[in-house]
All heavy atoms as atom14 arrays in JSON, in Angstrom:
{
  "sequence": "GLSAAAAPPEGLYYRAYLMRYDIDSFQDAKGNAAPGSNTGSV",
  "atom14_mask": [
    [1, 1, 1, 1, 0, 0, 0, 0, 0, 0, 0, 0, 0, 0],
    [1, 1, 1, 1, 1, 1, 1, 1, 0, 0, 0, 0, 0, 0],
    [1, 1, 1, 1, 1, 1, 0, 0, 0, 0, 0, 0, 0, 0],
    [1, 1, 1, 1, 1, 0, 0, 0, 0, 0, 0, 0, 0, 0],
    [1, 1, 1, 1, 1, 0, 0, 0, 0, 0, 0, 0, 0, 0],
    [1, 1, 1, 1, 1, 0, 0, 0, 0, 0, 0, 0, 0, 0],
    [1, 1, 1, 1, 1, 0, 0, 0, 0, 0, 0, 0, 0, 0],
    [1, 1, 1, 1, 1, 1, 1, 0, 0, 0, 0, 0, 0, 0],
    [1, 1, 1, 1, 1, 1, 1, 0, 0, 0, 0, 0, 0, 0],
    [1, 1, 1, 1, 1, 1, 1, 1, 1, 0, 0, 0, 0, 0],
    [1, 1, 1, 1, 0, 0, 0, 0, 0, 0, 0, 0, 0, 0],
    [1, 1, 1, 1, 1, 1, 1, 1, 0, 0, 0, 0, 0, 0],
    [1, 1, 1, 1, 1, 1, 1, 1, 1, 1, 1, 1, 0, 0],
    [1, 1, 1, 1, 1, 1, 1, 1, 1, 1, 1, 1, 0, 0],
    [1, 1, 1, 1, 1, 1, 1, 1, 1, 1, 1, 0, 0, 0],
    [1, 1, 1, 1, 1, 0, 0, 0, 0, 0, 0, 0, 0, 0],
    [1, 1, 1, 1, 1, 1, 1, 1, 1, 1, 1, 1, 0, 0],
    [1, 1, 1, 1, 1, 1, 1, 1, 0, 0, 0, 0, 0, 0],
    [1, 1, 1, 1, 1, 1, 1, 1, 0, 0, 0, 0, 0, 0],
    [1, 1, 1, 1, 1, 1, 1, 1, 1, 1, 1, 0, 0, 0],
    [1, 1, 1, 1, 1, 1, 1, 1, 1, 1, 1, 1, 0, 0],
    [1, 1, 1, 1, 1, 1, 1, 1, 0, 0, 0, 0, 0, 0],
    [1, 1, 1, 1, 1, 1, 1, 1, 0, 0, 0, 0, 0, 0],
    [1, 1, 1, 1, 1, 1, 1, 1, 0, 0, 0, 0, 0, 0],
    [1, 1, 1, 1, 1, 1, 0, 0, 0, 0, 0, 0, 0, 0],
    [1, 1, 1, 1, 1, 1, 1, 1, 1, 1, 1, 0, 0, 0],
    [1, 1, 1, 1, 1, 1, 1, 1, 1, 0, 0, 0, 0, 0],
    [1, 1, 1, 1, 1, 1, 1, 1, 0, 0, 0, 0, 0, 0],
    [1, 1, 1, 1, 1, 0, 0, 0, 0, 0, 0, 0, 0, 0],
    [1, 1, 1, 1, 1, 1, 1, 1, 1, 0, 0, 0, 0, 0],
    [1, 1, 1, 1, 0, 0, 0, 0, 0, 0, 0, 0, 0, 0],
    [1, 1, 1, 1, 1, 1, 1, 1, 0, 0, 0, 0, 0, 0],
    [1, 1, 1, 1, 1, 0, 0, 0, 0, 0, 0, 0, 0, 0],
    [1, 1, 1, 1, 1, 0, 0, 0, 0, 0, 0, 0, 0, 0],
    [1, 1, 1, 1, 1, 1, 1, 0, 0, 0, 0, 0, 0, 0],
    [1, 1, 1, 1, 0, 0, 0, 0, 0, 0, 0, 0, 0, 0],
    [1, 1, 1, 1, 1, 1, 0, 0, 0, 0, 0, 0, 0, 0],
    [1, 1, 1, 1, 1, 1, 1, 1, 0, 0, 0, 0, 0, 0],
    [1, 1, 1, 1, 1, 1, 1, 0, 0, 0, 0, 0, 0, 0],
    [1, 1, 1, 1, 0, 0, 0, 0, 0, 0, 0, 0, 0, 0],
    [1, 1, 1, 1, 1, 1, 0, 0, 0, 0, 0, 0, 0, 0],
    [1, 1, 1, 1, 1, 1, 1, 0, 0, 0, 0, 0, 0, 0]
  ],
  "atom14_positions": [
    [[17.59, -1.22, 30.06], [16.69, -1.5, 31.17], [17.28, -1.18, 32.53], [17.98, -0.18, 32.71], [0.0, 0.0, 0.0], [0.0, 0.0, 0.0], [0.0, 0.0, 0.0], [0.0, 0.0, 0.0], [0.0, 0.0, 0.0], [0.0, 0.0, 0.0], [0.0, 0.0, 0.0], [0.0, 0.0, 0.0], [0.0, 0.0, 0.0], [0.0, 0.0, 0.0]],
    [[17.01, -2.05, 33.52], [17.4, -1.79, 34.9], [18.91, -1.69, 35.06], [19.67, -2.43, 34.44], [16.88, -2.91, 35.8], [15.35, -3.06, 35.93], [15.02, -4.29, 36.76], [14.73, -1.81, 36.54], [0.0, 0.0, 0.0], [0.0, 0.0, 0.0], [0.0, 0.0, 0.0], [0.0, 0.0, 0.0], [0.0, 0.0, 0.0], [0.0, 0.0, 0.0]],
    [[19.32, -0.77, 35.93], [20.73, -0.61, 36.34], [21.67, -0.3, 35.17], [22.89, -0.47, 35.29], [21.22, -1.86, 37.06], [20.37, -2.2, 38.14], [0.0, 0.0, 0.0], [0.0, 0.0, 0.0], [0.0, 0.0, 0.0], [0.0, 0.0, 0.0], [0.0, 0.0, 0.0], [0.0, 0.0, 0.0], [0.0, 0.0, 0.0], [0.0, 0.0, 0.0]],
    [[21.14, 0.15, 34.03], [21.97, 0.38, 32.85], [22.88, 1.59, 32.99], [23.86, 1.71, 32.25], [21.08, 0.55, 31.62], [0.0, 0.0, 0.0], [0.0, 0.0, 0.0], [0.0, 0.0, 0.0], [0.0, 0.0, 0.0], [0.0, 0.0, 0.0], [0.0, 0.0, 0.0], [0.0, 0.0, 0.0], [0.0, 0.0, 0.0], [0.0, 0.0, 0.0]],
    [[22.57, 2.48, 33.92], [23.35, 3.71, 34.05], [24.58, 3.55, 34.94], [25.25, 4.54, 35.23], [22.46, 4.83, 34.58], [0.0, 0.0, 0.0], [0.0, 0.0, 0.0], [0.0, 0.0, 0.0], [0.0, 0.0, 0.0], [0.0, 0.0, 0.0], [0.0, 0.0, 0.0], [0.0, 0.0, 0.0], [0.0, 0.0, 0.0], [0.0, 0.0, 0.0]],
    [[24.9, 2.32, 35.36], [26.08, 2.1, 36.2], [27.13, 1.35, 35.39], [26.89, 0.25, 34.91], [25.7, 1.3, 37.44], [0.0, 0.0, 0.0], [0.0, 0.0, 0.0], [0.0, 0.0, 0.0], [0.0, 0.0, 0.0], [0.0, 0.0, 0.0], [0.0, 0.0, 0.0], [0.0, 0.0, 0.0], [0.0, 0.0, 0.0], [0.0, 0.0, 0.0]],
    [[28.32, 1.95, 35.23], [29.41, 1.28, 34.52], [29.94, 0.13, 35.37], [30.0, 0.22, 36.6], [30.53, 2.28, 34.23], [0.0, 0.0, 0.0], [0.0, 0.0, 0.0], [0.0, 0.0, 0.0], [0.0, 0.0, 0.0], [0.0, 0.0, 0.0], [0.0, 0.0, 0.0], [0.0, 0.0, 0.0], [0.0, 0.0, 0.0], [0.0, 0.0, 0.0]],
    [[30.34, -0.98, 34.75], [30.82, -2.14, 35.51], [32.22, -1.91, 36.08], [32.91, -0.97, 35.69], [30.84, -3.26, 34.46], [31.04, -2.55, 33.16], [30.3, -1.24, 33.3], [0.0, 0.0, 0.0], [0.0, 0.0, 0.0], [0.0, 0.0, 0.0], [0.0, 0.0, 0.0], [0.0, 0.0, 0.0], [0.0, 0.0, 0.0], [0.0, 0.0, 0.0]],
    [[32.67, -2.78, 36.99], [34.03, -2.67, 37.53], [35.08, -2.97, 36.47], [34.76, -3.35, 35.34], [34.05, -3.73, 38.64], [32.62, -4.04, 38.93], [31.89, -3.82, 37.64], [0.0, 0.0, 0.0], [0.0, 0.0, 0.0], [0.0, 0.0, 0.0], [0.0, 0.0, 0.0], [0.0, 0.0, 0.0], [0.0, 0.0, 0.0], [0.0, 0.0, 0.0]],
    [[36.35, -2.82, 36.87], [37.47, -3.07, 35.96], [37.39, -4.49, 35.39], [37.08, -5.45, 36.09], [38.78, -2.89, 36.7], [40.02, -3.19, 35.87], [41.3, -3.08, 36.67], [41.25, -2.64, 37.84], [42.37, -3.46, 36.13], [0.0, 0.0, 0.0], [0.0, 0.0, 0.0], [0.0, 0.0, 0.0], [0.0, 0.0, 0.0], [0.0, 0.0, 0.0]],
    [[37.67, -4.6, 34.08], [37.67, -5.91, 33.44], [37.15, -5.86, 32.03], [36.74, -4.81, 31.52], [0.0, 0.0, 0.0], [0.0, 0.0, 0.0], [0.0, 0.0, 0.0], [0.0, 0.0, 0.0], [0.0, 0.0, 0.0], [0.0, 0.0, 0.0], [0.0, 0.0, 0.0], [0.0, 0.0, 0.0], [0.0, 0.0, 0.0], [0.0, 0.0, 0.0]],
    [[37.15, -7.02, 31.37], [36.66, -7.17, 30.01], [35.35, -7.94, 30.05], [35.26, -9.0, 30.68], [37.68, -7.92, 29.16], [37.32, -8.18, 27.69], [37.17, -6.86, 26.93], [38.39, -9.06, 27.03], [0.0, 0.0, 0.0], [0.0, 0.0, 0.0], [0.0, 0.0, 0.0], [0.0, 0.0, 0.0], [0.0, 0.0, 0.0], [0.0, 0.0, 0.0]],
    [[34.33, -7.41, 29.34], [32.99, -7.99, 29.38], [32.48, -8.23, 27.96], [32.75, -7.44, 27.05], [32.0, -7.06, 30.1], [32.37, -6.75, 31.53], [33.28, -5.73, 31.82], [31.81, -7.45, 32.58], [33.63, -5.43, 33.12], [32.15, -7.16, 33.9], [33.06, -6.15, 34.17], [33.39, -5.85, 35.45], [0.0, 0.0, 0.0], [0.0, 0.0, 0.0]],
    [[31.73, -9.33, 27.84], [30.96, -9.57, 26.6], [29.49, -9.52, 26.96], [29.05, -10.14, 27.93], [31.29, -10.93, 26.0], [30.31, -11.37, 24.93], [30.29, -10.75, 23.68], [29.38, -12.37, 25.19], [29.38, -11.13, 22.71], [28.46, -12.76, 24.22], [28.47, -12.14, 22.98], [27.57, -12.52, 22.03], [0.0, 0.0, 0.0], [0.0, 0.0, 0.0]],
    [[28.73, -8.78, 26.16], [27.29, -8.68, 26.39], [26.55, -8.97, 25.09], [26.86, -8.36, 24.05], [26.92, -7.3, 26.94], [25.42, -7.11, 27.2], [25.16, -5.82, 27.97], [25.65, -5.93, 29.33], [25.64, -4.92, 30.21], [25.2, -3.73, 29.83], [26.08, -5.09, 31.43], [0.0, 0.0, 0.0], [0.0, 0.0, 0.0], [0.0, 0.0, 0.0]],
    [[25.6, -9.88, 25.14], [24.78, -10.22, 23.98], [23.35, -9.76, 24.22], [22.78, -10.02, 25.28], [24.82, -11.72, 23.72], [0.0, 0.0, 0.0], [0.0, 0.0, 0.0], [0.0, 0.0, 0.0], [0.0, 0.0, 0.0], [0.0, 0.0, 0.0], [0.0, 0.0, 0.0], [0.0, 0.0, 0.0], [0.0, 0.0, 0.0], [0.0, 0.0, 0.0]],
    [[22.8, -9.07, 23.23], [21.41, -8.62, 23.27], [20.63, -9.38, 22.2], [20.97, -9.32, 21.02], [21.29, -7.13, 22.99], [22.1, -6.23, 23.86], [23.41, -5.9, 23.54], [21.55, -5.65, 25.01], [24.16, -5.05, 24.33], [22.29, -4.79, 25.8], [23.6, -4.49, 25.46], [24.33, -3.64, 26.24], [0.0, 0.0, 0.0], [0.0, 0.0, 0.0]],
    [[19.59, -10.06, 22.59], [18.7, -10.74, 21.65], [17.33, -10.1, 21.78], [16.73, -10.11, 22.86], [18.63, -12.23, 21.95], [17.71, -13.06, 21.04], [18.21, -13.02, 19.59], [17.63, -14.5, 21.53], [0.0, 0.0, 0.0], [0.0, 0.0, 0.0], [0.0, 0.0, 0.0], [0.0, 0.0, 0.0], [0.0, 0.0, 0.0], [0.0, 0.0, 0.0]],
    [[16.84, -9.5, 20.69], [15.56, -8.8, 20.74], [14.65, -9.25, 19.61], [15.09, -9.42, 18.47], [15.76, -7.28, 20.68], [14.46, -6.48, 20.66], [14.67, -4.7, 20.88], [14.81, -4.59, 22.66], [0.0, 0.0, 0.0], [0.0, 0.0, 0.0], [0.0, 0.0, 0.0], [0.0, 0.0, 0.0], [0.0, 0.0, 0.0], [0.0, 0.0, 0.0]],
    [[13.4, -9.44, 19.95], [12.34, -9.73, 18.98], [11.33, -8.59, 19.06], [10.78, -8.3, 20.12], [11.67, -11.05, 19.31], [10.34, -11.29, 18.6], [10.51, -11.72, 17.16], [9.2, -11.96, 16.51], [9.04, -12.59, 15.36], [10.11, -13.04, 14.71], [7.85, -12.77, 14.85], [0.0, 0.0, 0.0], [0.0, 0.0, 0.0], [0.0, 0.0, 0.0]],
    [[11.11, -7.92, 17.93], [10.19, -6.79, 17.87], [9.1, -7.1, 16.86], [9.37, -7.3, 15.68], [10.96, -5.53, 17.47], [10.12, -4.27, 17.33], [9.3, -3.84, 18.36], [10.19, -3.49, 16.18], [8.55, -2.68, 18.25], [9.45, -2.33, 16.06], [8.63, -1.92, 17.09], [7.9, -0.77, 16.97], [0.0, 0.0, 0.0], [0.0, 0.0, 0.0]],
    [[7.85, -7.18, 17.34], [6.7, -7.45, 16.48], [5.94, -6.16, 16.22], [5.47, -5.51, 17.17], [5.77, -8.48, 17.12], [6.39, -9.87, 17.14], [6.82, -10.33, 16.07], [6.44, -10.49, 18.23], [0.0, 0.0, 0.0], [0.0, 0.0, 0.0], [0.0, 0.0, 0.0], [0.0, 0.0, 0.0], [0.0, 0.0, 0.0], [0.0, 0.0, 0.0]],
    [[5.83, -5.79, 14.96], [5.18, -4.54, 14.57], [3.7, -4.77, 14.33], [3.31, -5.64, 13.54], [5.83, -3.98, 13.3], [7.32, -3.75, 13.53], [5.15, -2.68, 12.87], [8.09, -3.45, 12.26], [0.0, 0.0, 0.0], [0.0, 0.0, 0.0], [0.0, 0.0, 0.0], [0.0, 0.0, 0.0], [0.0, 0.0, 0.0], [0.0, 0.0, 0.0]],
    [[2.86, -4.01, 15.04], [1.41, -4.12, 14.88], [0.87, -3.16, 13.83], [-0.12, -3.45, 13.16], [0.71, -3.84, 16.22], [1.09, -4.83, 17.29], [1.3, -6.02, 16.96], [1.2, -4.42, 18.47], [0.0, 0.0, 0.0], [0.0, 0.0, 0.0], [0.0, 0.0, 0.0], [0.0, 0.0, 0.0], [0.0, 0.0, 0.0], [0.0, 0.0, 0.0]],
    [[1.53, -2.0, 13.69], [1.05, -0.98, 12.76], [2.13, 0.06, 12.55], [3.16, 0.06, 13.23], [-0.21, -0.29, 13.31], [0.08, 0.39, 14.53], [0.0, 0.0, 0.0], [0.0, 0.0, 0.0], [0.0, 0.0, 0.0], [0.0, 0.0, 0.0], [0.0, 0.0, 0.0], [0.0, 0.0, 0.0], [0.0, 0.0, 0.0], [0.0, 0.0, 0.0]],
    [[1.88, 0.95, 11.58], [2.75, 2.11, 11.35], [1.9, 3.36, 11.51], [0.81, 3.47, 10.93], [3.38, 2.06, 9.96], [4.49, 1.06, 9.83], [4.24, -0.25, 9.47], [5.8, 1.43, 10.08], [5.26, -1.17, 9.36], [6.84, 0.52, 9.97], [6.57, -0.79, 9.61], [0.0, 0.0, 0.0], [0.0, 0.0, 0.0], [0.0, 0.0, 0.0]],
    [[2.41, 4.32, 12.29], [1.67, 5.52, 12.62], [2.18, 6.71, 11.82], [3.37, 6.83, 11.55], [1.8, 5.83, 14.11], [1.6, 4.64, 15.04], [0.22, 4.05, 14.94], [0.04, 2.93, 14.46], [-0.77, 4.81, 15.37], [0.0, 0.0, 0.0], [0.0, 0.0, 0.0], [0.0, 0.0, 0.0], [0.0, 0.0, 0.0], [0.0, 0.0, 0.0]],
    [[1.24, 7.62, 11.49], [1.64, 8.84, 10.79], [2.02, 9.92, 11.79], [2.14, 9.67, 12.99], [0.52, 9.31, 9.84], [-0.72, 9.79, 10.59], [-0.69, 9.89, 11.83], [-1.73, 10.08, 9.92], [0.0, 0.0, 0.0], [0.0, 0.0, 0.0], [0.0, 0.0, 0.0], [0.0, 0.0, 0.0], [0.0, 0.0, 0.0], [0.0, 0.0, 0.0]],
    [[2.23, 11.15, 11.31], [2.71, 12.23, 12.16], [1.72, 12.64, 13.24], [2.09, 13.28, 14.22], [3.07, 13.45, 11.3], [0.0, 0.0, 0.0], [0.0, 0.0, 0.0], [0.0, 0.0, 0.0], [0.0, 0.0, 0.0], [0.0, 0.0, 0.0], [0.0, 0.0, 0.0], [0.0, 0.0, 0.0], [0.0, 0.0, 0.0], [0.0, 0.0, 0.0]],
    [[0.44, 12.26, 13.07], [-0.58, 12.58, 14.07], [-0.88, 11.4, 14.97], [-1.79, 11.45, 15.8], [-1.86, 13.07, 13.37], [-1.69, 14.39, 12.65], [-3.01, 14.86, 12.07], [-2.85, 16.22, 11.38], [-4.15, 16.71, 10.8], [0.0, 0.0, 0.0], [0.0, 0.0, 0.0], [0.0, 0.0, 0.0], [0.0, 0.0, 0.0], [0.0, 0.0, 0.0]],
    [[-0.14, 10.31, 14.8], [-0.38, 9.12, 15.62], [-1.48, 8.23, 15.12], [-1.92, 7.33, 15.84], [0.0, 0.0, 0.0], [0.0, 0.0, 0.0], [0.0, 0.0, 0.0], [0.0, 0.0, 0.0], [0.0, 0.0, 0.0], [0.0, 0.0, 0.0], [0.0, 0.0, 0.0], [0.0, 0.0, 0.0], [0.0, 0.0, 0.0], [0.0, 0.0, 0.0]],
    [[-1.93, 8.46, 13.87], [-2.97, 7.61, 13.28], [-2.33, 6.47, 12.49], [-1.34, 6.66, 11.79], [-3.87, 8.43, 12.34], [-4.55, 9.57, 13.06], [-5.1, 9.4, 14.15], [-4.51, 10.76, 12.47], [0.0, 0.0, 0.0], [0.0, 0.0, 0.0], [0.0, 0.0, 0.0], [0.0, 0.0, 0.0], [0.0, 0.0, 0.0], [0.0, 0.0, 0.0]],
    [[-2.92, 5.29, 12.6], [-2.38, 4.12, 11.91], [-2.62, 4.22, 10.41], [-3.69, 4.65, 9.96], [-3.01, 2.85, 12.45], [0.0, 0.0, 0.0], [0.0, 0.0, 0.0], [0.0, 0.0, 0.0], [0.0, 0.0, 0.0], [0.0, 0.0, 0.0], [0.0, 0.0, 0.0], [0.0, 0.0, 0.0], [0.0, 0.0, 0.0], [0.0, 0.0, 0.0]],
    [[-1.62, 3.86, 9.61], [-1.78, 3.8, 8.16], [-2.84, 2.76, 7.81], [-3.0, 1.76, 8.52], [-0.46, 3.45, 7.5], [0.0, 0.0, 0.0], [0.0, 0.0, 0.0], [0.0, 0.0, 0.0], [0.0, 0.0, 0.0], [0.0, 0.0, 0.0], [0.0, 0.0, 0.0], [0.0, 0.0, 0.0], [0.0, 0.0, 0.0], [0.0, 0.0, 0.0]],
    [[-3.61, 2.94, 6.75], [-4.71, 2.04, 6.42], [-4.23, 0.66, 6.01], [-3.12, 0.49, 5.49], [-5.4, 2.74, 5.24], [-4.32, 3.56, 4.61], [-3.46, 4.02, 5.75], [0.0, 0.0, 0.0], [0.0, 0.0, 0.0], [0.0, 0.0, 0.0], [0.0, 0.0, 0.0], [0.0, 0.0, 0.0], [0.0, 0.0, 0.0], [0.0, 0.0, 0.0]],
    [[-5.07, -0.33, 6.24], [-4.73, -1.69, 5.87], [-3.93, -2.38, 6.95], [-3.74, -1.88, 8.07], [0.0, 0.0, 0.0], [0.0, 0.0, 0.0], [0.0, 0.0, 0.0], [0.0, 0.0, 0.0], [0.0, 0.0, 0.0], [0.0, 0.0, 0.0], [0.0, 0.0, 0.0], [0.0, 0.0, 0.0], [0.0, 0.0, 0.0], [0.0, 0.0, 0.0]],
    [[-3.43, -3.55, 6.61], [-2.61, -4.33, 7.52], [-1.13, -4.1, 7.2], [-0.66, -4.51, 6.13], [-2.94, -5.82, 7.39], [-2.09, -6.6, 8.19], [0.0, 0.0, 0.0], [0.0, 0.0, 0.0], [0.0, 0.0, 0.0], [0.0, 0.0, 0.0], [0.0, 0.0, 0.0], [0.0, 0.0, 0.0], [0.0, 0.0, 0.0], [0.0, 0.0, 0.0]],
    [[-0.45, -3.43, 8.08], [0.97, -3.11, 7.9], [1.72, -3.64, 9.12], [1.74, -3.01, 10.18], [1.18, -1.61, 7.74], [0.42, -1.05, 6.56], [0.83, -1.22, 5.42], [-0.71, -0.39, 6.83], [0.0, 0.0, 0.0], [0.0, 0.0, 0.0], [0.0, 0.0, 0.0], [0.0, 0.0, 0.0], [0.0, 0.0, 0.0], [0.0, 0.0, 0.0]],
    [[2.31, -4.8, 8.98], [2.93, -5.49, 10.09], [4.36, -5.88, 9.74], [4.83, -5.64, 8.62], [2.14, -6.75, 10.46], [2.1, -7.64, 9.34], [0.7, -6.38, 10.85], [0.0, 0.0, 0.0], [0.0, 0.0, 0.0], [0.0, 0.0, 0.0], [0.0, 0.0, 0.0], [0.0, 0.0, 0.0], [0.0, 0.0, 0.0], [0.0, 0.0, 0.0]],
    [[5.04, -6.49, 10.68], [6.39, -6.94, 10.43], [7.05, -7.44, 11.68], [6.44, -7.49, 12.76], [0.0, 0.0, 0.0], [0.0, 0.0, 0.0], [0.0, 0.0, 0.0], [0.0, 0.0, 0.0], [0.0, 0.0, 0.0], [0.0, 0.0, 0.0], [0.0, 0.0, 0.0], [0.0, 0.0, 0.0], [0.0, 0.0, 0.0], [0.0, 0.0, 0.0]],
    [[8.3, -7.82, 11.55], [9.08, -8.29, 12.69], [10.54, -7.97, 12.47], [11.02, -7.9, 11.34], [8.89, -9.81, 12.89], [9.43, -10.52, 11.8], [0.0, 0.0, 0.0], [0.0, 0.0, 0.0], [0.0, 0.0, 0.0], [0.0, 0.0, 0.0], [0.0, 0.0, 0.0], [0.0, 0.0, 0.0], [0.0, 0.0, 0.0], [0.0, 0.0, 0.0]],
    [[11.23, -7.78, 13.59], [12.68, -7.56, 13.56], [13.3, -8.48, 14.6], [12.92, -8.45, 15.78], [13.05, -6.1, 13.89], [14.56, -5.91, 13.83], [12.36, -5.14, 12.92], [0.0, 0.0, 0.0], [0.0, 0.0, 0.0], [0.0, 0.0, 0.0], [0.0, 0.0, 0.0], [0.0, 0.0, 0.0], [0.0, 0.0, 0.0], [0.0, 0.0, 0.0]]
  ]
}
């Protein structure tokens, strides 16, 4: 996201990323949704 292209100053850093991804559908090569309900979460 924001400001990600700037390296931090000298030192040791710990960074934790917590992400929730809710899947609404799966698309084919033409961008069409696969039939039925195809959902999930990560």
